[in-house]
Amino acid sequence: MSRFLAGSAAAISALAAVGCGSTTTTVERTVVTVVKTAPAPAPAAPAQQTAPAQQTAPAPAPATSAITLPNVVGQRLDVAELHLHARHIRYREVGGGAFGIIVKSNWTVCEQEPAPGTTDPGRVSLIVDREC
């Protein structure tokens, strides 16, 4: 339980009047008691009738889509990589000379292994050169 004093404004004005030479003071005080109660319980849900159990076949597993390797032979290396990334295909570059491949747009895919059209290719090798 908590108590709250109401009428504090009346008490302040009464105290202020005392300081002004008044001989009679009236102080009003109201006490309010707040009682917190628990909420009423929710009504019980009506009983539902259940249907007799039926045996059903399990749902078929979703078909996984096979990844088909696109043909990237003849494309710039950076463009070929974009096509493979879009299909979530892992690849590696083979070639690049003594200094390796620095600017991918300067290299062309001359061959790819496995061949284009292969499904679920795993890891693809892109054989690159400056000119094919």
N, C-alpha and C. Protein backbone atom coordinates (compact mmCIF):
# COMPACT_ATOMS: atom_id res chain seq x y z
N MET A 1 0.85 -1.18 0.00
CA MET A 1 0.00 0.00 0.00
C MET A 1 0.89 1.24 0.00
N SER A 2 0.41 2.25 -0.62
CA SER A 2 1.14 3.51 -0.61
C SER A 2 0.18 4.62 -0.22
N ARG A 3 0.73 5.63 0.38
CA ARG A 3 -0.10 6.77 0.81
C ARG A 3 0.33 8.00 0.05
N PHE A 4 -0.63 8.80 -0.24
CA PHE A 4 -0.39 10.01 -1.01
C PHE A 4 -1.05 11.17 -0.29
N LEU A 5 -0.30 12.21 -0.05
CA LEU A 5 -0.87 13.38 0.63
C LEU A 5 -1.42 14.33 -0.41
N ALA A 6 -2.69 14.54 -0.36
CA ALA A 6 -3.33 15.51 -1.23
C ALA A 6 -3.58 16.77 -0.42
N GLY A 7 -3.72 17.84 -1.04
CA GLY A 7 -3.99 19.09 -0.35
C GLY A 7 -2.72 19.77 0.12
N SER A 8 -1.59 19.41 -0.46
CA SER A 8 -0.34 20.03 -0.04
C SER A 8 -0.31 21.50 -0.45
N ALA A 9 -1.05 21.86 -1.47
CA ALA A 9 -1.13 23.26 -1.86
C ALA A 9 -1.81 24.08 -0.77
N ALA A 10 -2.83 23.48 -0.13
CA ALA A 10 -3.52 24.19 0.97
C ALA A 10 -2.59 24.35 2.15
N ALA A 11 -1.76 23.36 2.40
CA ALA A 11 -0.82 23.44 3.53
C ALA A 11 0.23 24.51 3.26
N ILE A 12 0.70 24.61 2.02
CA ILE A 12 1.70 25.63 1.69
C ILE A 12 1.10 27.02 1.82
N SER A 13 -0.12 27.18 1.36
CA SER A 13 -0.74 28.51 1.46
C SER A 13 -1.02 28.86 2.92
N ALA A 14 -1.33 27.87 3.75
CA ALA A 14 -1.55 28.14 5.18
C ALA A 14 -0.26 28.57 5.84
N LEU A 15 0.86 27.92 5.49
CA LEU A 15 2.14 28.31 6.06
C LEU A 15 2.55 29.71 5.61
N ALA A 16 2.23 30.03 4.39
CA ALA A 16 2.56 31.36 3.88
C ALA A 16 1.74 32.41 4.60
N ALA A 17 0.49 32.07 4.93
CA ALA A 17 -0.36 33.02 5.64
C ALA A 17 0.14 33.26 7.05
N VAL A 18 0.75 32.26 7.68
CA VAL A 18 1.27 32.42 9.04
C VAL A 18 2.38 33.46 9.04
N GLY A 19 3.19 33.45 8.02
CA GLY A 19 4.28 34.42 7.96
C GLY A 19 3.79 35.82 7.69
N CYS A 20 2.52 36.02 7.32
CA CYS A 20 2.02 37.34 6.98
C CYS A 20 1.27 37.98 8.14
N GLY A 21 1.37 37.46 9.34
CA GLY A 21 0.75 38.08 10.49
C GLY A 21 -0.62 37.54 10.82
N SER A 22 -1.08 36.49 10.21
CA SER A 22 -2.39 35.92 10.51
C SER A 22 -2.29 35.09 11.79
N THR A 23 -3.31 35.14 12.60
CA THR A 23 -3.28 34.41 13.86
C THR A 23 -4.02 33.09 13.78
N THR A 24 -4.84 32.90 12.78
CA THR A 24 -5.60 31.66 12.64
C THR A 24 -5.12 30.93 11.39
N THR A 25 -4.78 29.65 11.54
CA THR A 25 -4.38 28.84 10.39
C THR A 25 -5.23 27.59 10.34
N THR A 26 -5.59 27.25 9.13
CA THR A 26 -6.35 26.03 8.92
C THR A 26 -5.58 25.18 7.92
N VAL A 27 -5.30 23.96 8.31
CA VAL A 27 -4.58 23.04 7.42
C VAL A 27 -5.50 21.88 7.13
N GLU A 28 -5.74 21.65 5.86
CA GLU A 28 -6.56 20.52 5.46
C GLU A 28 -5.65 19.45 4.90
N ARG A 29 -5.94 18.24 5.26
CA ARG A 29 -5.12 17.15 4.77
C ARG A 29 -6.04 16.00 4.37
N THR A 30 -5.78 15.44 3.21
CA THR A 30 -6.55 14.29 2.73
C THR A 30 -5.57 13.15 2.50
N VAL A 31 -5.89 12.01 3.02
CA VAL A 31 -5.05 10.83 2.84
C VAL A 31 -5.78 9.89 1.89
N VAL A 32 -5.08 9.50 0.84
CA VAL A 32 -5.64 8.58 -0.15
C VAL A 32 -4.87 7.28 -0.05
N THR A 33 -5.57 6.18 0.06
CA THR A 33 -4.93 4.86 0.14
C THR A 33 -5.18 4.13 -1.17
N VAL A 34 -4.10 3.67 -1.81
CA VAL A 34 -4.20 2.94 -3.07
C VAL A 34 -3.90 1.48 -2.79
N VAL A 35 -4.81 0.61 -3.19
CA VAL A 35 -4.64 -0.82 -2.98
C VAL A 35 -4.51 -1.47 -4.35
N LYS A 36 -3.44 -2.23 -4.52
CA LYS A 36 -3.19 -2.90 -5.79
C LYS A 36 -3.68 -4.34 -5.67
N THR A 37 -4.54 -4.74 -6.61
CA THR A 37 -5.06 -6.10 -6.58
C THR A 37 -4.61 -6.85 -7.82
N ALA A 38 -4.59 -8.16 -7.73
CA ALA A 38 -4.20 -9.00 -8.86
C ALA A 38 -5.33 -9.01 -9.88
N PRO A 39 -5.00 -9.12 -11.17
CA PRO A 39 -6.06 -9.16 -12.19
C PRO A 39 -6.84 -10.47 -12.09
N ALA A 40 -8.06 -10.42 -12.53
CA ALA A 40 -8.92 -11.60 -12.50
C ALA A 40 -8.37 -12.64 -13.46
N PRO A 41 -8.48 -13.93 -13.14
CA PRO A 41 -7.97 -14.96 -14.05
C PRO A 41 -8.78 -14.98 -15.33
N ALA A 42 -8.11 -15.35 -16.42
CA ALA A 42 -8.77 -15.42 -17.73
C ALA A 42 -9.74 -16.59 -17.73
N PRO A 43 -10.84 -16.46 -18.44
CA PRO A 43 -11.80 -17.56 -18.50
C PRO A 43 -11.17 -18.75 -19.22
N ALA A 44 -11.57 -19.94 -18.83
CA ALA A 44 -11.01 -21.16 -19.43
C ALA A 44 -11.47 -21.27 -20.88
N ALA A 45 -10.59 -21.76 -21.72
CA ALA A 45 -10.92 -21.93 -23.13
C ALA A 45 -11.89 -23.09 -23.27
N PRO A 46 -12.86 -22.97 -24.19
CA PRO A 46 -13.81 -24.07 -24.36
C PRO A 46 -13.10 -25.30 -24.91
N ALA A 47 -13.55 -26.45 -24.51
CA ALA A 47 -12.95 -27.71 -24.96
C ALA A 47 -13.23 -27.87 -26.45
N GLN A 48 -12.22 -28.28 -27.20
CA GLN A 48 -12.37 -28.48 -28.63
C GLN A 48 -12.47 -29.97 -28.90
N GLN A 49 -13.30 -30.29 -29.84
CA GLN A 49 -13.41 -31.69 -30.21
C GLN A 49 -12.28 -32.00 -31.18
N THR A 50 -11.69 -33.15 -31.00
CA THR A 50 -10.59 -33.53 -31.89
C THR A 50 -11.10 -34.55 -32.88
N ALA A 51 -10.62 -34.42 -34.10
CA ALA A 51 -11.00 -35.36 -35.15
C ALA A 51 -10.20 -36.65 -34.96
N PRO A 52 -10.70 -37.75 -35.42
CA PRO A 52 -9.94 -38.99 -35.30
C PRO A 52 -8.62 -38.86 -36.06
N ALA A 53 -7.60 -39.51 -35.54
CA ALA A 53 -6.27 -39.42 -36.13
C ALA A 53 -6.27 -40.06 -37.51
N GLN A 54 -5.67 -39.35 -38.46
CA GLN A 54 -5.56 -39.88 -39.82
C GLN A 54 -4.10 -40.03 -40.15
N GLN A 55 -3.77 -41.10 -40.81
CA GLN A 55 -2.39 -41.30 -41.22
C GLN A 55 -2.19 -40.64 -42.57
N THR A 56 -1.17 -39.79 -42.63
CA THR A 56 -0.86 -39.12 -43.89
C THR A 56 0.59 -39.38 -44.24
N ALA A 57 0.86 -39.35 -45.50
CA ALA A 57 2.24 -39.56 -45.96
C ALA A 57 3.04 -38.30 -45.65
N PRO A 58 4.32 -38.44 -45.30
CA PRO A 58 5.12 -37.26 -45.03
C PRO A 58 5.28 -36.43 -46.31
N ALA A 59 5.43 -35.14 -46.11
CA ALA A 59 5.59 -34.23 -47.24
C ALA A 59 6.89 -34.55 -47.95
N PRO A 60 6.91 -34.46 -49.28
CA PRO A 60 8.15 -34.75 -50.00
C PRO A 60 9.19 -33.69 -49.71
N ALA A 61 10.44 -34.10 -49.70
CA ALA A 61 11.54 -33.16 -49.45
C ALA A 61 11.64 -32.21 -50.63
N PRO A 62 11.98 -30.93 -50.36
CA PRO A 62 12.10 -29.98 -51.47
C PRO A 62 13.24 -30.39 -52.38
N ALA A 63 12.99 -30.27 -53.66
CA ALA A 63 14.00 -30.64 -54.65
C ALA A 63 15.13 -29.62 -54.63
N THR A 64 16.35 -30.11 -54.65
CA THR A 64 17.50 -29.20 -54.69
C THR A 64 17.81 -28.92 -56.15
N SER A 65 18.04 -27.68 -56.45
CA SER A 65 18.31 -27.33 -57.84
C SER A 65 19.79 -27.57 -58.13
N ALA A 66 20.04 -28.21 -59.24
CA ALA A 66 21.41 -28.48 -59.66
C ALA A 66 22.00 -27.21 -60.25
N ILE A 67 23.26 -27.01 -59.98
CA ILE A 67 23.95 -25.84 -60.52
C ILE A 67 24.58 -26.23 -61.84
N THR A 68 24.27 -25.47 -62.88
CA THR A 68 24.83 -25.73 -64.20
C THR A 68 25.94 -24.73 -64.47
N LEU A 69 27.08 -25.23 -64.87
CA LEU A 69 28.25 -24.38 -65.13
C LEU A 69 28.05 -23.59 -66.41
N PRO A 70 28.11 -22.26 -66.33
CA PRO A 70 27.94 -21.45 -67.54
C PRO A 70 29.22 -21.48 -68.39
N ASN A 71 29.07 -21.10 -69.64
CA ASN A 71 30.21 -21.00 -70.54
C ASN A 71 30.82 -19.61 -70.38
N VAL A 72 32.04 -19.54 -69.83
CA VAL A 72 32.70 -18.25 -69.64
C VAL A 72 33.95 -18.12 -70.51
N VAL A 73 34.16 -19.08 -71.43
CA VAL A 73 35.32 -19.04 -72.33
C VAL A 73 35.17 -17.84 -73.26
N GLY A 74 36.24 -17.07 -73.38
CA GLY A 74 36.24 -15.89 -74.24
C GLY A 74 35.87 -14.62 -73.49
N GLN A 75 35.43 -14.73 -72.26
CA GLN A 75 35.05 -13.55 -71.48
C GLN A 75 36.26 -13.00 -70.72
N ARG A 76 36.19 -11.70 -70.42
CA ARG A 76 37.21 -11.14 -69.53
C ARG A 76 37.13 -11.85 -68.20
N LEU A 77 38.23 -11.97 -67.50
CA LEU A 77 38.26 -12.70 -66.24
C LEU A 77 37.33 -12.08 -65.20
N ASP A 78 37.29 -10.74 -65.09
CA ASP A 78 36.43 -10.12 -64.09
C ASP A 78 34.95 -10.40 -64.36
N VAL A 79 34.55 -10.42 -65.64
CA VAL A 79 33.16 -10.71 -65.99
C VAL A 79 32.84 -12.18 -65.72
N ALA A 80 33.75 -13.08 -66.06
CA ALA A 80 33.55 -14.51 -65.81
C ALA A 80 33.39 -14.77 -64.31
N GLU A 81 34.20 -14.10 -63.50
CA GLU A 81 34.09 -14.26 -62.05
C GLU A 81 32.72 -13.81 -61.53
N LEU A 82 32.18 -12.73 -62.08
CA LEU A 82 30.85 -12.26 -61.67
C LEU A 82 29.79 -13.33 -61.95
N HIS A 83 29.87 -13.98 -63.14
CA HIS A 83 28.91 -15.03 -63.48
C HIS A 83 29.02 -16.21 -62.52
N LEU A 84 30.24 -16.59 -62.16
CA LEU A 84 30.43 -17.72 -61.26
C LEU A 84 30.00 -17.38 -59.84
N HIS A 85 30.30 -16.17 -59.39
CA HIS A 85 29.87 -15.73 -58.04
C HIS A 85 28.35 -15.73 -57.94
N ALA A 86 27.67 -15.29 -58.99
CA ALA A 86 26.20 -15.22 -58.96
C ALA A 86 25.58 -16.60 -58.78
N ARG A 87 26.28 -17.64 -59.24
CA ARG A 87 25.77 -19.02 -59.12
C ARG A 87 26.41 -19.76 -57.95
N HIS A 88 27.20 -19.06 -57.14
CA HIS A 88 27.88 -19.65 -55.97
C HIS A 88 28.78 -20.81 -56.37
N ILE A 89 29.51 -20.65 -57.45
CA ILE A 89 30.44 -21.67 -57.94
C ILE A 89 31.85 -21.25 -57.55
N ARG A 90 32.56 -22.17 -56.93
CA ARG A 90 33.96 -21.90 -56.55
C ARG A 90 34.85 -22.10 -57.77
N TYR A 91 35.91 -21.31 -57.86
CA TYR A 91 36.81 -21.38 -59.01
C TYR A 91 38.22 -21.02 -58.59
N ARG A 92 39.14 -21.30 -59.49
CA ARG A 92 40.53 -20.85 -59.31
C ARG A 92 41.06 -20.45 -60.67
N GLU A 93 41.99 -19.50 -60.67
CA GLU A 93 42.60 -19.05 -61.92
C GLU A 93 43.89 -19.84 -62.14
N VAL A 94 44.10 -20.24 -63.38
CA VAL A 94 45.34 -20.92 -63.76
C VAL A 94 45.99 -20.07 -64.83
N GLY A 95 47.21 -19.66 -64.60
CA GLY A 95 47.92 -18.80 -65.54
C GLY A 95 48.26 -17.50 -64.84
N GLY A 96 48.58 -16.51 -65.63
CA GLY A 96 48.87 -15.22 -65.04
C GLY A 96 50.31 -14.80 -65.19
N GLY A 97 51.15 -15.64 -65.77
CA GLY A 97 52.54 -15.25 -66.01
C GLY A 97 53.35 -15.16 -64.75
N ALA A 98 54.52 -14.55 -64.88
CA ALA A 98 55.48 -14.47 -63.78
C ALA A 98 55.00 -13.59 -62.63
N PHE A 99 54.25 -12.55 -62.93
CA PHE A 99 53.80 -11.61 -61.90
C PHE A 99 52.39 -11.91 -61.38
N GLY A 100 51.72 -12.89 -61.96
CA GLY A 100 50.37 -13.22 -61.52
C GLY A 100 49.33 -12.28 -62.13
N ILE A 101 48.12 -12.45 -61.70
CA ILE A 101 47.01 -11.64 -62.22
C ILE A 101 46.82 -10.46 -61.28
N ILE A 102 47.11 -9.27 -61.82
CA ILE A 102 46.96 -8.07 -61.00
C ILE A 102 45.67 -7.34 -61.38
N VAL A 103 45.49 -7.04 -62.65
CA VAL A 103 44.27 -6.37 -63.13
C VAL A 103 43.47 -7.43 -63.88
N LYS A 104 42.39 -7.90 -63.27
CA LYS A 104 41.63 -9.02 -63.82
C LYS A 104 40.98 -8.70 -65.15
N SER A 105 40.65 -7.44 -65.39
CA SER A 105 40.01 -7.08 -66.66
C SER A 105 40.98 -7.15 -67.83
N ASN A 106 42.28 -7.30 -67.57
CA ASN A 106 43.27 -7.43 -68.65
C ASN A 106 43.48 -8.88 -69.07
N TRP A 107 42.76 -9.82 -68.47
CA TRP A 107 42.95 -11.24 -68.74
C TRP A 107 41.67 -11.83 -69.32
N THR A 108 41.83 -12.84 -70.20
CA THR A 108 40.71 -13.49 -70.87
C THR A 108 40.70 -14.96 -70.49
N VAL A 109 39.51 -15.52 -70.30
CA VAL A 109 39.38 -16.95 -70.03
C VAL A 109 39.51 -17.69 -71.36
N CYS A 110 40.56 -18.51 -71.50
CA CYS A 110 40.79 -19.26 -72.73
C CYS A 110 40.16 -20.65 -72.67
N GLU A 111 40.15 -21.26 -71.50
CA GLU A 111 39.55 -22.58 -71.30
C GLU A 111 38.94 -22.63 -69.91
N GLN A 112 38.05 -23.59 -69.73
CA GLN A 112 37.51 -23.84 -68.39
C GLN A 112 37.36 -25.34 -68.20
N GLU A 113 37.62 -25.79 -67.00
CA GLU A 113 37.48 -27.20 -66.66
C GLU A 113 36.67 -27.30 -65.38
N PRO A 114 35.63 -28.07 -65.29
CA PRO A 114 35.04 -28.94 -66.31
C PRO A 114 34.36 -28.13 -67.41
N ALA A 115 33.85 -28.81 -68.40
CA ALA A 115 33.25 -28.18 -69.58
C ALA A 115 31.96 -27.45 -69.21
N PRO A 116 31.61 -26.44 -70.00
CA PRO A 116 30.34 -25.73 -69.77
C PRO A 116 29.16 -26.69 -69.85
N GLY A 117 28.13 -26.44 -69.03
CA GLY A 117 26.93 -27.27 -69.02
C GLY A 117 26.99 -28.38 -67.97
N THR A 118 28.15 -28.57 -67.35
CA THR A 118 28.28 -29.58 -66.30
C THR A 118 27.41 -29.18 -65.12
N THR A 119 26.71 -30.17 -64.54
CA THR A 119 25.89 -29.87 -63.36
C THR A 119 26.70 -30.19 -62.12
N ASP A 120 26.52 -29.37 -61.09
CA ASP A 120 27.26 -29.49 -59.82
C ASP A 120 28.76 -29.66 -60.06
N PRO A 121 29.41 -28.64 -60.61
CA PRO A 121 30.80 -28.78 -61.05
C PRO A 121 31.83 -28.86 -59.93
N GLY A 122 31.47 -28.53 -58.69
CA GLY A 122 32.48 -28.50 -57.64
C GLY A 122 33.35 -27.27 -57.81
N ARG A 123 34.65 -27.47 -57.95
CA ARG A 123 35.56 -26.34 -58.16
C ARG A 123 35.95 -26.27 -59.64
N VAL A 124 35.91 -25.07 -60.20
CA VAL A 124 36.17 -24.85 -61.61
C VAL A 124 37.55 -24.22 -61.77
N SER A 125 38.26 -24.66 -62.80
CA SER A 125 39.55 -24.06 -63.14
C SER A 125 39.35 -23.18 -64.36
N LEU A 126 39.77 -21.94 -64.25
CA LEU A 126 39.71 -21.00 -65.37
C LEU A 126 41.13 -20.80 -65.87
N ILE A 127 41.42 -21.25 -67.10
CA ILE A 127 42.74 -21.10 -67.70
C ILE A 127 42.72 -19.76 -68.43
N VAL A 128 43.60 -18.84 -68.00
CA VAL A 128 43.57 -17.47 -68.51
C VAL A 128 44.88 -17.11 -69.18
N ASP A 129 44.78 -16.13 -70.06
CA ASP A 129 45.96 -15.57 -70.72
C ASP A 129 45.61 -14.16 -71.14
N ARG A 130 46.61 -13.40 -71.53
CA ARG A 130 46.36 -12.02 -71.99
C ARG A 130 45.61 -12.04 -73.32
N GLU A 131 45.92 -12.99 -74.18
CA GLU A 131 45.22 -13.19 -75.46
C GLU A 131 45.10 -14.67 -75.70
N CYS A 132 43.97 -15.10 -76.21
CA CYS A 132 43.78 -16.54 -76.47
C CYS A 132 44.05 -16.88 -77.92
